[in-house]
Amino acid sequence: MRQRGFTVIELLVVTAFLIFAGVLFFIQKNNLETSARDDKRKTAINAMYYGLEESFFKQNAYYPAELDEKNLTTIDSALFTDPNGVKLGQTIQKVNEVDVPVQSDYRYEPTNCTDGKCKSYSLRADLEAEADYIKKSRNN
């Protein structure tokens, strides 16, 4: 008389394999999402950089003291908002009617400024999986 079914060891092996596969899946999924957010940050910084260099500087022969969609109209205004929903230069965000300090993943750091006209700058994005992504002005 032979019984059909699985042994306890077989069930444990299959269960362990499924748990391992599930953990591996979620780790890879997290890595892909992190990489996608970092790519979005790099794309935004590159767009700002080329907008400043190819449009703003060519028209004005200087860089702005502050960077926003009003003085850099050549790029999509959504690019000024990081993947966390914080705009470039924003320091306070309302959460449940309360002001909460925030910091954007994007930073515009102008240098050598006089009367709102700057000679150089650096753009920086805080990345999750890599070191900061930095673009510096072509002209000094």
N, C-alpha and C. Protein backbone atom coordinates (compact mmCIF):
# COMPACT_ATOMS: atom_id res chain seq x y z
N MET A 1 0.83 -1.17 0.00
CA MET A 1 0.00 0.00 0.00
C MET A 1 0.89 1.25 0.00
N ARG A 2 0.86 1.97 -1.11
CA ARG A 2 1.71 3.15 -1.26
C ARG A 2 0.83 4.40 -1.20
N GLN A 3 1.24 5.39 -0.40
CA GLN A 3 0.47 6.63 -0.30
C GLN A 3 1.03 7.68 -1.25
N ARG A 4 0.14 8.45 -1.81
CA ARG A 4 0.54 9.52 -2.71
C ARG A 4 0.61 10.83 -1.92
N GLY A 5 1.48 11.73 -2.39
CA GLY A 5 1.59 13.03 -1.74
C GLY A 5 3.03 13.46 -1.66
N PHE A 6 3.25 14.55 -0.95
CA PHE A 6 4.58 15.11 -0.80
C PHE A 6 5.08 14.87 0.62
N THR A 7 6.38 14.71 0.72
CA THR A 7 6.96 14.57 2.05
C THR A 7 7.14 15.97 2.63
N VAL A 8 7.36 16.03 3.90
CA VAL A 8 7.58 17.30 4.59
C VAL A 8 8.82 17.98 4.04
N ILE A 9 9.85 17.23 3.76
CA ILE A 9 11.09 17.80 3.24
C ILE A 9 10.85 18.43 1.87
N GLU A 10 10.10 17.78 1.00
CA GLU A 10 9.80 18.34 -0.31
C GLU A 10 9.01 19.65 -0.18
N LEU A 11 8.06 19.67 0.72
CA LEU A 11 7.29 20.89 0.94
C LEU A 11 8.16 22.02 1.48
N LEU A 12 9.08 21.70 2.38
CA LEU A 12 10.00 22.70 2.92
C LEU A 12 10.93 23.25 1.84
N VAL A 13 11.42 22.38 0.98
CA VAL A 13 12.32 22.82 -0.10
C VAL A 13 11.57 23.75 -1.06
N VAL A 14 10.37 23.39 -1.45
CA VAL A 14 9.58 24.23 -2.36
C VAL A 14 9.24 25.56 -1.70
N THR A 15 8.86 25.53 -0.43
CA THR A 15 8.53 26.75 0.29
C THR A 15 9.76 27.66 0.39
N ALA A 16 10.92 27.10 0.72
CA ALA A 16 12.16 27.89 0.82
C ALA A 16 12.51 28.51 -0.53
N PHE A 17 12.33 27.74 -1.59
CA PHE A 17 12.61 28.25 -2.93
C PHE A 17 11.69 29.42 -3.27
N LEU A 18 10.41 29.28 -2.98
CA LEU A 18 9.46 30.36 -3.27
C LEU A 18 9.75 31.61 -2.46
N ILE A 19 10.13 31.44 -1.22
CA ILE A 19 10.48 32.59 -0.38
C ILE A 19 11.72 33.29 -0.94
N PHE A 20 12.74 32.50 -1.32
CA PHE A 20 13.96 33.06 -1.89
C PHE A 20 13.65 33.81 -3.18
N ALA A 21 12.84 33.22 -4.06
CA ALA A 21 12.47 33.86 -5.32
C ALA A 21 11.69 35.16 -5.07
N GLY A 22 10.81 35.16 -4.09
CA GLY A 22 10.06 36.37 -3.76
C GLY A 22 10.95 37.48 -3.25
N VAL A 23 11.88 37.16 -2.37
CA VAL A 23 12.82 38.15 -1.84
C VAL A 23 13.67 38.71 -2.97
N LEU A 24 14.18 37.84 -3.83
CA LEU A 24 15.00 38.28 -4.96
C LEU A 24 14.20 39.20 -5.89
N PHE A 25 12.96 38.86 -6.14
CA PHE A 25 12.10 39.69 -6.99
C PHE A 25 11.95 41.09 -6.40
N PHE A 26 11.66 41.20 -5.11
CA PHE A 26 11.45 42.52 -4.51
C PHE A 26 12.73 43.33 -4.43
N ILE A 27 13.87 42.67 -4.25
CA ILE A 27 15.15 43.39 -4.25
C ILE A 27 15.41 43.96 -5.64
N GLN A 28 15.23 43.15 -6.67
CA GLN A 28 15.44 43.61 -8.04
C GLN A 28 14.46 44.71 -8.42
N LYS A 29 13.23 44.58 -8.00
CA LYS A 29 12.21 45.59 -8.28
C LYS A 29 12.61 46.92 -7.65
N ASN A 30 13.08 46.87 -6.41
CA ASN A 30 13.53 48.09 -5.72
C ASN A 30 14.72 48.72 -6.44
N ASN A 31 15.67 47.88 -6.88
CA ASN A 31 16.83 48.41 -7.61
C ASN A 31 16.42 49.07 -8.91
N LEU A 32 15.48 48.48 -9.63
CA LEU A 32 15.00 49.07 -10.89
C LEU A 32 14.28 50.39 -10.65
N GLU A 33 13.48 50.46 -9.61
CA GLU A 33 12.77 51.71 -9.29
C GLU A 33 13.75 52.81 -8.88
N THR A 34 14.77 52.45 -8.09
CA THR A 34 15.79 53.42 -7.69
C THR A 34 16.54 53.94 -8.92
N SER A 35 16.90 53.04 -9.80
CA SER A 35 17.61 53.42 -11.02
C SER A 35 16.74 54.33 -11.89
N ALA A 36 15.46 54.06 -11.98
CA ALA A 36 14.55 54.90 -12.76
C ALA A 36 14.45 56.30 -12.17
N ARG A 37 14.37 56.40 -10.84
CA ARG A 37 14.31 57.73 -10.21
C ARG A 37 15.61 58.50 -10.44
N ASP A 38 16.75 57.82 -10.34
CA ASP A 38 18.04 58.47 -10.59
C ASP A 38 18.15 58.93 -12.04
N ASP A 39 17.67 58.12 -12.98
CA ASP A 39 17.68 58.52 -14.38
C ASP A 39 16.81 59.75 -14.61
N LYS A 40 15.68 59.82 -13.92
CA LYS A 40 14.81 60.99 -14.03
C LYS A 40 15.54 62.24 -13.51
N ARG A 41 16.26 62.10 -12.42
CA ARG A 41 17.02 63.23 -11.87
C ARG A 41 18.09 63.70 -12.86
N LYS A 42 18.81 62.76 -13.46
CA LYS A 42 19.86 63.11 -14.42
C LYS A 42 19.26 63.80 -15.64
N THR A 43 18.13 63.31 -16.11
CA THR A 43 17.46 63.92 -17.26
C THR A 43 17.08 65.36 -16.96
N ALA A 44 16.55 65.60 -15.77
CA ALA A 44 16.14 66.95 -15.39
C ALA A 44 17.35 67.89 -15.32
N ILE A 45 18.43 67.43 -14.70
CA ILE A 45 19.64 68.27 -14.59
C ILE A 45 20.21 68.56 -15.98
N ASN A 46 20.24 67.55 -16.85
CA ASN A 46 20.73 67.77 -18.21
C ASN A 46 19.87 68.76 -18.97
N ALA A 47 18.56 68.67 -18.81
CA ALA A 47 17.66 69.62 -19.49
C ALA A 47 17.91 71.04 -18.99
N MET A 48 18.04 71.21 -17.68
CA MET A 48 18.32 72.53 -17.11
C MET A 48 19.66 73.06 -17.63
N TYR A 49 20.65 72.19 -17.63
CA TYR A 49 22.00 72.56 -18.09
C TYR A 49 21.96 73.07 -19.54
N TYR A 50 21.37 72.28 -20.43
CA TYR A 50 21.33 72.68 -21.83
C TYR A 50 20.43 73.89 -22.05
N GLY A 51 19.39 74.03 -21.26
CA GLY A 51 18.56 75.22 -21.34
C GLY A 51 19.34 76.47 -20.94
N LEU A 52 20.12 76.34 -19.88
CA LEU A 52 20.94 77.47 -19.44
C LEU A 52 22.01 77.80 -20.46
N GLU A 53 22.69 76.80 -20.96
CA GLU A 53 23.82 77.04 -21.87
C GLU A 53 23.37 77.46 -23.27
N GLU A 54 22.42 76.74 -23.84
CA GLU A 54 22.03 76.95 -25.24
C GLU A 54 21.00 78.05 -25.42
N SER A 55 20.27 78.37 -24.39
CA SER A 55 19.23 79.38 -24.54
C SER A 55 19.51 80.62 -23.70
N PHE A 56 19.49 80.44 -22.37
CA PHE A 56 19.59 81.60 -21.48
C PHE A 56 20.91 82.35 -21.68
N PHE A 57 22.04 81.65 -21.60
CA PHE A 57 23.34 82.33 -21.69
C PHE A 57 23.54 82.96 -23.07
N LYS A 58 23.13 82.27 -24.12
CA LYS A 58 23.31 82.83 -25.47
C LYS A 58 22.51 84.12 -25.66
N GLN A 59 21.34 84.21 -25.02
CA GLN A 59 20.52 85.42 -25.14
C GLN A 59 20.98 86.54 -24.23
N ASN A 60 21.51 86.18 -23.03
CA ASN A 60 21.78 87.19 -22.01
C ASN A 60 23.25 87.42 -21.69
N ALA A 61 24.12 86.49 -22.04
CA ALA A 61 25.56 86.55 -21.75
C ALA A 61 25.85 86.51 -20.25
N TYR A 62 24.94 85.97 -19.47
CA TYR A 62 25.14 85.72 -18.04
C TYR A 62 24.18 84.61 -17.62
N TYR A 63 24.37 84.12 -16.39
CA TYR A 63 23.47 83.11 -15.84
C TYR A 63 22.60 83.75 -14.76
N PRO A 64 21.41 83.24 -14.52
CA PRO A 64 20.53 83.85 -13.51
C PRO A 64 21.00 83.54 -12.08
N ALA A 65 20.64 84.41 -11.16
CA ALA A 65 20.98 84.18 -9.75
C ALA A 65 20.07 83.11 -9.15
N GLU A 66 18.85 82.99 -9.67
CA GLU A 66 17.91 81.95 -9.24
C GLU A 66 17.39 81.25 -10.47
N LEU A 67 17.14 79.97 -10.33
CA LEU A 67 16.67 79.18 -11.47
C LEU A 67 15.27 78.66 -11.21
N ASP A 68 14.36 78.97 -12.12
CA ASP A 68 12.99 78.46 -12.05
C ASP A 68 12.38 78.50 -13.44
N GLU A 69 11.11 78.09 -13.55
CA GLU A 69 10.47 78.02 -14.86
C GLU A 69 10.20 79.40 -15.45
N LYS A 70 10.28 80.46 -14.65
CA LYS A 70 10.05 81.80 -15.17
C LYS A 70 11.24 82.31 -15.99
N ASN A 71 12.45 81.99 -15.55
CA ASN A 71 13.61 82.48 -16.31
C ASN A 71 14.24 81.42 -17.21
N LEU A 72 13.75 80.19 -17.15
CA LEU A 72 14.23 79.14 -18.05
C LEU A 72 13.00 78.49 -18.69
N THR A 73 12.43 79.22 -19.62
CA THR A 73 11.16 78.82 -20.24
C THR A 73 11.33 77.78 -21.35
N THR A 74 12.56 77.47 -21.70
CA THR A 74 12.80 76.55 -22.82
C THR A 74 12.63 75.08 -22.44
N ILE A 75 12.47 74.77 -21.16
CA ILE A 75 12.29 73.38 -20.77
C ILE A 75 10.94 73.19 -20.07
N ASP A 76 10.48 71.97 -20.04
CA ASP A 76 9.21 71.62 -19.41
C ASP A 76 9.27 71.98 -17.92
N SER A 77 8.30 72.71 -17.43
CA SER A 77 8.31 73.15 -16.02
C SER A 77 8.24 71.98 -15.05
N ALA A 78 7.72 70.84 -15.48
CA ALA A 78 7.67 69.66 -14.60
C ALA A 78 9.06 69.16 -14.24
N LEU A 79 10.07 69.48 -15.04
CA LEU A 79 11.43 69.02 -14.75
C LEU A 79 12.04 69.72 -13.53
N PHE A 80 11.45 70.81 -13.09
CA PHE A 80 11.95 71.50 -11.90
C PHE A 80 11.51 70.81 -10.60
N THR A 81 10.65 69.81 -10.72
CA THR A 81 10.16 69.07 -9.56
C THR A 81 10.83 67.70 -9.51
N ASP A 82 11.45 67.38 -8.37
CA ASP A 82 12.15 66.10 -8.25
C ASP A 82 11.17 64.93 -8.08
N PRO A 83 11.65 63.69 -8.11
CA PRO A 83 10.76 62.54 -7.98
C PRO A 83 9.97 62.49 -6.67
N ASN A 84 10.39 63.24 -5.67
CA ASN A 84 9.68 63.30 -4.39
C ASN A 84 8.61 64.39 -4.37
N GLY A 85 8.48 65.14 -5.47
CA GLY A 85 7.47 66.19 -5.54
C GLY A 85 7.91 67.53 -4.99
N VAL A 86 9.22 67.73 -4.80
CA VAL A 86 9.74 68.99 -4.25
C VAL A 86 10.37 69.77 -5.39
N LYS A 87 9.99 71.05 -5.53
CA LYS A 87 10.52 71.90 -6.60
C LYS A 87 11.91 72.41 -6.26
N LEU A 88 12.68 72.66 -7.30
CA LEU A 88 13.99 73.26 -7.16
C LEU A 88 13.87 74.56 -6.37
N GLY A 89 14.64 74.71 -5.32
CA GLY A 89 14.61 75.91 -4.50
C GLY A 89 13.55 75.94 -3.42
N GLN A 90 12.63 74.99 -3.43
CA GLN A 90 11.56 74.96 -2.42
C GLN A 90 12.14 74.53 -1.07
N THR A 91 11.76 75.24 -0.01
CA THR A 91 12.28 74.92 1.33
C THR A 91 11.17 74.55 2.31
N ILE A 92 9.91 74.88 1.95
CA ILE A 92 8.79 74.58 2.85
C ILE A 92 7.67 73.95 2.03
N GLN A 93 7.03 72.94 2.60
CA GLN A 93 5.91 72.28 1.95
C GLN A 93 4.79 72.13 2.97
N LYS A 94 3.55 72.36 2.53
CA LYS A 94 2.40 72.20 3.42
C LYS A 94 2.02 70.72 3.50
N VAL A 95 1.95 70.19 4.72
CA VAL A 95 1.48 68.83 4.96
C VAL A 95 0.42 68.92 6.05
N ASN A 96 -0.82 68.61 5.71
CA ASN A 96 -1.94 68.72 6.66
C ASN A 96 -2.00 70.10 7.30
N GLU A 97 -1.91 71.12 6.46
CA GLU A 97 -1.99 72.52 6.91
C GLU A 97 -0.82 72.95 7.80
N VAL A 98 0.26 72.18 7.83
CA VAL A 98 1.43 72.52 8.64
C VAL A 98 2.62 72.70 7.69
N ASP A 99 3.41 73.75 7.91
CA ASP A 99 4.61 73.99 7.12
C ASP A 99 5.70 73.03 7.58
N VAL A 100 6.23 72.26 6.63
CA VAL A 100 7.28 71.29 6.92
C VAL A 100 8.50 71.64 6.08
N PRO A 101 9.69 71.73 6.70
CA PRO A 101 10.89 72.02 5.91
C PRO A 101 11.21 70.84 4.98
N VAL A 102 11.55 71.17 3.74
CA VAL A 102 11.92 70.16 2.75
C VAL A 102 13.14 70.64 1.98
N GLN A 103 13.79 69.70 1.31
CA GLN A 103 14.91 70.05 0.45
C GLN A 103 14.78 69.27 -0.85
N SER A 104 14.87 69.96 -1.95
CA SER A 104 14.78 69.32 -3.25
C SER A 104 16.03 68.48 -3.50
N ASP A 105 15.87 67.46 -4.33
CA ASP A 105 17.03 66.67 -4.76
C ASP A 105 17.87 67.45 -5.75
N TYR A 106 17.33 68.58 -6.27
CA TYR A 106 18.03 69.41 -7.24
C TYR A 106 18.52 70.68 -6.56
N ARG A 107 19.74 71.07 -6.92
CA ARG A 107 20.28 72.33 -6.40
C ARG A 107 20.94 73.11 -7.54
N TYR A 108 20.65 74.39 -7.56
CA TYR A 108 21.29 75.33 -8.49
C TYR A 108 22.15 76.24 -7.63
N GLU A 109 23.45 76.25 -7.90
CA GLU A 109 24.40 77.02 -7.09
C GLU A 109 25.14 78.02 -7.97
N PRO A 110 24.62 79.25 -8.08
CA PRO A 110 25.29 80.26 -8.90
C PRO A 110 26.52 80.81 -8.18
N THR A 111 27.50 81.26 -8.96
CA THR A 111 28.73 81.84 -8.38
C THR A 111 29.09 83.11 -9.15
N ASN A 112 29.87 83.94 -8.48
CA ASN A 112 30.34 85.21 -9.06
C ASN A 112 29.17 86.06 -9.56
N CYS A 113 28.22 86.35 -8.66
CA CYS A 113 27.01 87.10 -9.04
C CYS A 113 27.11 88.57 -8.65
N THR A 114 26.59 89.39 -9.54
CA THR A 114 26.45 90.81 -9.29
C THR A 114 25.12 91.26 -9.86
N ASP A 115 24.27 91.85 -9.03
CA ASP A 115 22.96 92.36 -9.46
C ASP A 115 22.14 91.29 -10.19
N GLY A 116 22.14 90.07 -9.69
CA GLY A 116 21.34 89.01 -10.29
C GLY A 116 21.93 88.38 -11.54
N LYS A 117 23.12 88.81 -11.92
CA LYS A 117 23.79 88.27 -13.10
C LYS A 117 25.03 87.51 -12.63
N CYS A 118 25.08 86.23 -13.01
CA CYS A 118 26.16 85.37 -12.52
C CYS A 118 27.06 84.91 -13.66
N LYS A 119 28.33 84.69 -13.32
CA LYS A 119 29.30 84.27 -14.33
C LYS A 119 29.40 82.75 -14.46
N SER A 120 28.98 82.02 -13.44
CA SER A 120 29.07 80.56 -13.50
C SER A 120 28.07 79.94 -12.52
N TYR A 121 27.96 78.63 -12.57
CA TYR A 121 27.03 77.92 -11.70
C TYR A 121 27.40 76.44 -11.67
N SER A 122 26.76 75.73 -10.77
CA SER A 122 26.77 74.27 -10.83
C SER A 122 25.35 73.79 -10.53
N LEU A 123 24.96 72.76 -11.24
CA LEU A 123 23.68 72.08 -11.01
C LEU A 123 24.01 70.74 -10.38
N ARG A 124 23.22 70.36 -9.40
CA ARG A 124 23.51 69.13 -8.67
C ARG A 124 22.22 68.38 -8.39
N ALA A 125 22.31 67.05 -8.52
CA ALA A 125 21.18 66.19 -8.17
C ALA A 125 21.66 65.16 -7.17
N ASP A 126 20.94 65.00 -6.07
CA ASP A 126 21.24 63.96 -5.10
C ASP A 126 20.66 62.65 -5.63
N LEU A 127 21.53 61.68 -5.90
CA LEU A 127 21.08 60.39 -6.41
C LEU A 127 21.01 59.38 -5.28
N GLU A 128 20.20 58.37 -5.46
CA GLU A 128 20.03 57.34 -4.42
C GLU A 128 21.10 56.25 -4.51
N ALA A 129 21.46 55.86 -5.73
CA ALA A 129 22.34 54.70 -5.90
C ALA A 129 23.75 55.07 -6.32
N GLU A 130 24.00 56.35 -6.55
CA GLU A 130 25.30 56.80 -7.01
C GLU A 130 25.67 58.08 -6.28
N ALA A 131 26.88 58.56 -6.57
CA ALA A 131 27.30 59.85 -6.04
C ALA A 131 26.50 60.96 -6.71
N ASP A 132 26.53 62.16 -6.15
CA ASP A 132 25.80 63.29 -6.72
C ASP A 132 26.13 63.46 -8.20
N TYR A 133 25.13 63.84 -8.97
CA TYR A 133 25.30 64.12 -10.37
C TYR A 133 25.46 65.63 -10.51
N ILE A 134 26.59 66.07 -11.08
CA ILE A 134 26.93 67.50 -11.11
C ILE A 134 27.23 67.94 -12.54
N LYS A 135 26.67 69.08 -12.92
CA LYS A 135 26.98 69.72 -14.20
C LYS A 135 27.41 71.14 -13.86
N LYS A 136 28.54 71.56 -14.42
CA LYS A 136 29.05 72.92 -14.18
C LYS A 136 28.95 73.74 -15.47
N SER A 137 28.84 75.04 -15.28
CA SER A 137 28.70 75.93 -16.43
C SER A 137 29.91 75.82 -17.36
N ARG A 138 29.65 76.02 -18.64
CA ARG A 138 30.74 75.99 -19.63
C ARG A 138 31.60 77.23 -19.51
N ASN A 139 30.98 78.36 -19.19
CA ASN A 139 31.68 79.64 -19.12
C ASN A 139 31.98 79.97 -17.66
N ASN A 140 33.13 80.49 -17.43
CA ASN A 140 33.51 80.87 -16.06
C ASN A 140 33.73 82.33 -15.99
